[in-house]
């Protein structure tokens, strides 16, 4: 496992790369806990007010020749703003992860469509450079698990009071009346 936090090279704030060669034949378990710096960067990226807790647990096993199966769970405590009251709202996020990573496509069919060996392209993720970034996976599934419209219990949207409709020509009609048309 290679944990990297260099902002200059890191496409995501939390990188925990696992190479196929680092995973034993019996598999490997990864229990990750994000530190305060990573949580702050992820909170900014995800548009959260705060991210007091971010954890991920992964079971990584080899699959076929050069592939990896990643199964686990991401859990977090997030602070979002209520879409009605704009008050801070604490939510829990729990997301399951079950993905199969295979080496990049190696064969091209006659019709030009690229296929991976032994697996349907719809069921797999590409394994680029023999690495899986568990930190990036955790962030991706955290963001997928966020409530896009968080609402405090009991918060009800009250639309502004509607004004009676006045035609835009009403002002012109009043100008048209002559002095004798009171």
C-alpha atoms as a PDB file:
ATOM      1  CA  UNK A   1       0.000   0.000   0.000  1.00  0.00           C
ATOM      2  CA  UNK A   2       1.325   3.398  -0.947  1.00  0.00           C
ATOM      3  CA  UNK A   3      -0.282   6.385   0.782  1.00  0.00           C
ATOM      4  CA  UNK A   4       0.436   9.661  -0.968  1.00  0.00           C
ATOM      5  CA  UNK A   5      -0.640  13.144  -0.060  1.00  0.00           C
ATOM      6  CA  UNK A   6       1.394  15.340  -2.365  1.00  0.00           C
ATOM      7  CA  UNK A   7      -1.001  18.054  -3.599  1.00  0.00           C
ATOM      8  CA  UNK A   8       1.263  18.637  -6.600  1.00  0.00           C
ATOM      9  CA  UNK A   9       0.736  15.114  -7.979  1.00  0.00           C
ATOM     10  CA  UNK A  10      -2.481  13.981  -6.300  1.00  0.00           C
ATOM     11  CA  UNK A  11      -5.633  14.191  -8.416  1.00  0.00           C
ATOM     12  CA  UNK A  12      -7.674  13.578  -5.260  1.00  0.00           C
ATOM     13  CA  UNK A  13      -7.014  14.691  -1.689  1.00  0.00           C
ATOM     14  CA  UNK A  14      -6.800  11.107  -0.409  1.00  0.00           C
ATOM     15  CA  UNK A  15      -4.639   8.664  -2.289  1.00  0.00           C
ATOM     16  CA  UNK A  16      -4.048   5.145  -1.038  1.00  0.00           C
ATOM     17  CA  UNK A  17      -2.754   3.163  -3.994  1.00  0.00           C
ATOM     18  CA  UNK A  18      -2.674  -0.628  -3.944  1.00  0.00           C
ATOM     19  CA  UNK A  19      -0.724  -2.537  -6.575  1.00  0.00           C
ATOM     20  CA  UNK A  20      -1.732  -5.982  -7.744  1.00  0.00           C
ATOM     21  CA  UNK A  21       1.737  -7.201  -6.715  1.00  0.00           C
ATOM     22  CA  UNK A  22       1.123  -5.956  -3.131  1.00  0.00           C
ATOM     23  CA  UNK A  23      -1.946  -8.170  -2.669  1.00  0.00           C
ATOM     24  CA  UNK A  24      -1.219 -11.681  -1.408  1.00  0.00           C
ATOM     25  CA  UNK A  25      -2.932 -14.683  -2.987  1.00  0.00           C
ATOM     26  CA  UNK A  26      -5.141 -14.857   0.123  1.00  0.00           C
ATOM     27  CA  UNK A  27      -6.125 -11.196  -0.230  1.00  0.00           C
ATOM     28  CA  UNK A  28      -5.581  -8.130   1.924  1.00  0.00           C
ATOM     29  CA  UNK A  29      -7.656  -6.035   4.320  1.00  0.00           C
ATOM     30  CA  UNK A  30      -7.361  -2.243   4.386  1.00  0.00           C
ATOM     31  CA  UNK A  31      -8.908  -0.172   7.184  1.00  0.00           C
ATOM     32  CA  UNK A  32      -8.497   3.492   6.309  1.00  0.00           C
ATOM     33  CA  UNK A  33      -9.188   6.530   8.469  1.00  0.00           C
ATOM     34  CA  UNK A  34      -8.818  10.002   6.945  1.00  0.00           C
ATOM     35  CA  UNK A  35      -6.898  12.579   8.963  1.00  0.00           C
ATOM     36  CA  UNK A  36      -8.085  16.157   9.541  1.00  0.00           C
ATOM     37  CA  UNK A  37      -6.207  17.569   6.532  1.00  0.00           C
ATOM     38  CA  UNK A  38      -7.693  14.999   4.140  1.00  0.00           C
ATOM     39  CA  UNK A  39     -11.200  15.449   5.594  1.00  0.00           C
ATOM     40  CA  UNK A  40     -10.981  19.225   5.146  1.00  0.00           C
ATOM     41  CA  UNK A  41      -9.888  18.843   1.504  1.00  0.00           C
ATOM     42  CA  UNK A  42     -12.628  16.272   0.785  1.00  0.00           C
ATOM     43  CA  UNK A  43     -15.225  18.532   2.448  1.00  0.00           C
ATOM     44  CA  UNK A  44     -14.220  21.402   0.140  1.00  0.00           C
ATOM     45  CA  UNK A  45     -14.309  19.099  -2.889  1.00  0.00           C
ATOM     46  CA  UNK A  46     -17.764  17.723  -2.003  1.00  0.00           C
ATOM     47  CA  UNK A  47     -19.284  21.082  -1.000  1.00  0.00           C
ATOM     48  CA  UNK A  48     -19.744  20.056   2.636  1.00  0.00           C
ATOM     49  CA  UNK A  49     -19.710  22.402   5.576  1.00  0.00           C
ATOM     50  CA  UNK A  50     -17.658  19.865   7.573  1.00  0.00           C
ATOM     51  CA  UNK A  51     -16.550  16.245   7.476  1.00  0.00           C
ATOM     52  CA  UNK A  52     -15.799  15.173  11.055  1.00  0.00           C
ATOM     53  CA  UNK A  53     -15.432  11.442  10.237  1.00  0.00           C
ATOM     54  CA  UNK A  54     -14.394   9.512   7.111  1.00  0.00           C
ATOM     55  CA  UNK A  55     -13.511   5.828   7.195  1.00  0.00           C
ATOM     56  CA  UNK A  56     -13.271   3.072   4.625  1.00  0.00           C
ATOM     57  CA  UNK A  57     -12.769  -0.670   4.947  1.00  0.00           C
ATOM     58  CA  UNK A  58     -11.752  -2.754   1.948  1.00  0.00           C
ATOM     59  CA  UNK A  59     -11.158  -6.429   1.276  1.00  0.00           C
ATOM     60  CA  UNK A  60      -8.990  -6.695  -1.815  1.00  0.00           C
ATOM     61  CA  UNK A  61      -8.493 -10.043  -3.545  1.00  0.00           C
ATOM     62  CA  UNK A  62      -6.801 -11.061  -6.748  1.00  0.00           C
ATOM     63  CA  UNK A  63      -9.069 -11.864  -9.648  1.00  0.00           C
ATOM     64  CA  UNK A  64      -7.835 -13.751 -12.694  1.00  0.00           C
ATOM     65  CA  UNK A  65      -4.535 -12.729 -14.172  1.00  0.00           C
ATOM     66  CA  UNK A  66      -3.737  -9.225 -13.055  1.00  0.00           C
ATOM     67  CA  UNK A  67      -7.188  -8.203 -11.817  1.00  0.00           C
ATOM     68  CA  UNK A  68      -8.448  -7.131  -8.386  1.00  0.00           C
ATOM     69  CA  UNK A  69     -11.801  -7.462  -6.652  1.00  0.00           C
ATOM     70  CA  UNK A  70     -12.443  -4.629  -4.183  1.00  0.00           C
ATOM     71  CA  UNK A  71     -15.312  -4.992  -1.719  1.00  0.00           C
ATOM     72  CA  UNK A  72     -15.963  -2.864   1.327  1.00  0.00           C
ATOM     73  CA  UNK A  73     -17.746   0.033   2.876  1.00  0.00           C
ATOM     74  CA  UNK A  74     -17.294   3.769   3.237  1.00  0.00           C
ATOM     75  CA  UNK A  75     -18.791   5.495   6.265  1.00  0.00           C
ATOM     76  CA  UNK A  76     -18.750   9.149   7.196  1.00  0.00           C
ATOM     77  CA  UNK A  77     -20.353  11.836   9.288  1.00  0.00           C
ATOM     78  CA  UNK A  78     -21.059  14.879   7.129  1.00  0.00           C
ATOM     79  CA  UNK A  79     -22.321  18.360   7.908  1.00  0.00           C
ATOM     80  CA  UNK A  80     -24.439  19.844   5.138  1.00  0.00           C
ATOM     81  CA  UNK A  81     -26.699  22.884   4.965  1.00  0.00           C
ATOM     82  CA  UNK A  82     -30.467  22.353   5.065  1.00  0.00           C
ATOM     83  CA  UNK A  83     -31.921  23.442   1.709  1.00  0.00           C
ATOM     84  CA  UNK A  84     -34.900  25.057   3.488  1.00  0.00           C
ATOM     85  CA  UNK A  85     -33.458  26.763   6.572  1.00  0.00           C
ATOM     86  CA  UNK A  86     -29.742  26.911   5.640  1.00  0.00           C
ATOM     87  CA  UNK A  87     -28.980  25.578   9.138  1.00  0.00           C
ATOM     88  CA  UNK A  88     -26.177  23.014   9.557  1.00  0.00           C
ATOM     89  CA  UNK A  89     -27.440  19.447   9.407  1.00  0.00           C
ATOM     90  CA  UNK A  90     -25.477  16.340  10.462  1.00  0.00           C
ATOM     91  CA  UNK A  91     -25.997  13.220   8.325  1.00  0.00           C
ATOM     92  CA  UNK A  92     -24.460   9.756   8.326  1.00  0.00           C
ATOM     93  CA  UNK A  93     -23.335   8.224   5.034  1.00  0.00           C
ATOM     94  CA  UNK A  94     -22.885   4.460   4.595  1.00  0.00           C
ATOM     95  CA  UNK A  95     -22.073   3.146   1.121  1.00  0.00           C
ATOM     96  CA  UNK A  96     -21.160  -0.375   0.048  1.00  0.00           C
ATOM     97  CA  UNK A  97     -18.456  -0.887  -2.559  1.00  0.00           C
ATOM     98  CA  UNK A  98     -18.096  -3.973  -4.753  1.00  0.00           C
ATOM     99  CA  UNK A  99     -15.985  -3.491  -7.878  1.00  0.00           C
ATOM    100  CA  UNK A 100     -13.913  -5.634 -10.183  1.00  0.00           C
ATOM    101  CA  UNK A 101     -10.804  -4.072 -11.703  1.00  0.00           C
ATOM    102  CA  UNK A 102      -9.220  -5.686 -14.750  1.00  0.00           C
ATOM    103  CA  UNK A 103      -6.158  -4.685 -16.766  1.00  0.00           C
ATOM    104  CA  UNK A 104      -6.764  -2.183 -19.536  1.00  0.00           C
ATOM    105  CA  UNK A 105      -8.420  -3.556 -22.676  1.00  0.00           C
ATOM    106  CA  UNK A 106      -6.110  -5.799 -24.627  1.00  0.00           C
ATOM    107  CA  UNK A 107      -8.108  -6.883 -27.655  1.00  0.00           C
ATOM    108  CA  UNK A 108     -10.018  -5.070 -30.370  1.00  0.00           C
ATOM    109  CA  UNK A 109     -12.862  -6.717 -32.242  1.00  0.00           C
ATOM    110  CA  UNK A 110     -13.363  -6.441 -36.000  1.00  0.00           C
ATOM    111  CA  UNK A 111     -16.056  -3.766 -35.520  1.00  0.00           C
ATOM    112  CA  UNK A 112     -13.527  -1.613 -33.619  1.00  0.00           C
ATOM    113  CA  UNK A 113     -15.061  -2.129 -30.178  1.00  0.00           C
ATOM    114  CA  UNK A 114     -12.486  -2.703 -27.444  1.00  0.00           C
ATOM    115  CA  UNK A 115     -13.035  -5.656 -25.078  1.00  0.00           C
ATOM    116  CA  UNK A 116     -11.324  -6.897 -21.961  1.00  0.00           C
ATOM    117  CA  UNK A 117     -10.349 -10.532 -21.625  1.00  0.00           C
ATOM    118  CA  UNK A 118     -12.795 -12.733 -19.764  1.00  0.00           C
ATOM    119  CA  UNK A 119     -15.148 -10.047 -18.417  1.00  0.00           C
ATOM    120  CA  UNK A 120     -17.867  -7.827 -19.816  1.00  0.00           C
ATOM    121  CA  UNK A 121     -16.706  -4.214 -20.084  1.00  0.00           C
ATOM    122  CA  UNK A 122     -19.976  -3.100 -18.417  1.00  0.00           C
ATOM    123  CA  UNK A 123     -19.174  -5.071 -15.248  1.00  0.00           C
ATOM    124  CA  UNK A 124     -15.580  -3.980 -14.737  1.00  0.00           C
ATOM    125  CA  UNK A 125     -13.417  -0.961 -14.043  1.00  0.00           C
ATOM    126  CA  UNK A 126     -10.062  -0.434 -15.773  1.00  0.00           C
ATOM    127  CA  UNK A 127      -6.951  -1.291 -13.775  1.00  0.00           C
ATOM    128  CA  UNK A 128      -4.527   1.365 -14.935  1.00  0.00           C
ATOM    129  CA  UNK A 129      -0.860   0.781 -14.291  1.00  0.00           C
ATOM    130  CA  UNK A 130      -1.652  -2.195 -12.072  1.00  0.00           C
ATOM    131  CA  UNK A 131      -2.941   0.129  -9.307  1.00  0.00           C
ATOM    132  CA  UNK A 132      -6.245   0.759  -7.559  1.00  0.00           C
ATOM    133  CA  UNK A 133      -6.587   3.998  -5.577  1.00  0.00           C
ATOM    134  CA  UNK A 134      -8.644   3.092  -2.501  1.00  0.00           C
ATOM    135  CA  UNK A 135      -8.700   6.707  -1.279  1.00  0.00           C
ATOM    136  CA  UNK A 136     -10.220   7.919  -4.544  1.00  0.00           C
ATOM    137  CA  UNK A 137     -12.787   5.101  -4.376  1.00  0.00           C
ATOM    138  CA  UNK A 138     -13.750   6.122  -0.854  1.00  0.00           C
ATOM    139  CA  UNK A 139     -14.225   9.749  -1.935  1.00  0.00           C
ATOM    140  CA  UNK A 140     -16.232   8.751  -5.008  1.00  0.00           C
ATOM    141  CA  UNK A 141     -18.646   6.581  -3.033  1.00  0.00           C
ATOM    142  CA  UNK A 142     -18.912   9.169  -0.240  1.00  0.00           C
ATOM    143  CA  UNK A 143     -20.011  11.782  -2.784  1.00  0.00           C
ATOM    144  CA  UNK A 144     -22.443   9.328  -4.389  1.00  0.00           C
ATOM    145  CA  UNK A 145     -23.972   8.689  -0.954  1.00  0.00           C
ATOM    146  CA  UNK A 146     -24.580  12.348  -0.089  1.00  0.00           C
ATOM    147  CA  UNK A 147     -28.149  13.601   0.118  1.00  0.00           C
ATOM    148  CA  UNK A 148     -28.357  16.161  -2.715  1.00  0.00           C
ATOM    149  CA  UNK A 149     -31.172  18.056  -0.922  1.00  0.00           C
ATOM    150  CA  UNK A 150     -30.595  17.705   2.822  1.00  0.00           C
ATOM    151  CA  UNK A 151     -33.542  18.856   4.909  1.00  0.00           C
ATOM    152  CA  UNK A 152     -33.849  19.183   8.685  1.00  0.00           C
ATOM    153  CA  UNK A 153     -36.692  17.139  10.177  1.00  0.00           C
ATOM    154  CA  UNK A 154     -39.865  19.215  10.170  1.00  0.00           C
ATOM    155  CA  UNK A 155     -38.455  21.904   7.853  1.00  0.00           C
ATOM    156  CA  UNK A 156     -41.113  22.898   5.325  1.00  0.00           C
ATOM    157  CA  UNK A 157     -40.593  25.241   2.432  1.00  0.00           C
ATOM    158  CA  UNK A 158     -42.983  28.208   2.553  1.00  0.00           C
ATOM    159  CA  UNK A 159     -43.123  29.936  -0.821  1.00  0.00           C
ATOM    160  CA  UNK A 160     -43.334  33.715  -0.695  1.00  0.00           C
ATOM    161  CA  UNK A 161     -46.829  35.155  -0.713  1.00  0.00           C
ATOM    162  CA  UNK A 162     -48.031  35.557  -4.263  1.00  0.00           C
ATOM    163  CA  UNK A 163     -48.902  39.065  -5.375  1.00  0.00           C
ATOM    164  CA  UNK A 164     -52.085  39.531  -7.392  1.00  0.00           C
ATOM    165  CA  UNK A 165     -51.339  39.407 -11.076  1.00  0.00           C
ATOM    166  CA  UNK A 166     -51.336  42.762 -12.784  1.00  0.00           C
ATOM    167  CA  UNK A 167     -51.075  42.918 -16.512  1.00  0.00           C
ATOM    168  CA  UNK A 168     -48.039  44.757 -17.816  1.00  0.00           C
ATOM    169  CA  UNK A 169     -50.440  46.832 -19.909  1.00  0.00           C
ATOM    170  CA  UNK A 170     -52.448  48.088 -16.878  1.00  0.00           C
ATOM    171  CA  UNK A 171     -50.190  51.131 -16.528  1.00  0.00           C
ATOM    172  CA  UNK A 172     -50.635  51.939 -20.225  1.00  0.00           C
ATOM    173  CA  UNK A 173     -54.411  51.628 -19.922  1.00  0.00           C
ATOM    174  CA  UNK A 174     -54.429  54.249 -17.152  1.00  0.00           C
ATOM    175  CA  UNK A 175     -52.464  56.640 -19.391  1.00  0.00           C
ATOM    176  CA  UNK A 176     -54.899  56.137 -22.250  1.00  0.00           C
ATOM    177  CA  UNK A 177     -57.832  57.464 -20.253  1.00  0.00           C
ATOM    178  CA  UNK A 178     -58.484  61.071 -21.001  1.00  0.00           C
ATOM    179  CA  UNK A 179     -59.349  63.861 -18.536  1.00  0.00           C
ATOM    180  CA  UNK A 180     -63.055  63.173 -19.070  1.00  0.00           C
ATOM    181  CA  UNK A 181     -62.756  59.392 -18.355  1.00  0.00           C
ATOM    182  CA  UNK A 182     -62.328  59.483 -14.570  1.00  0.00           C
END
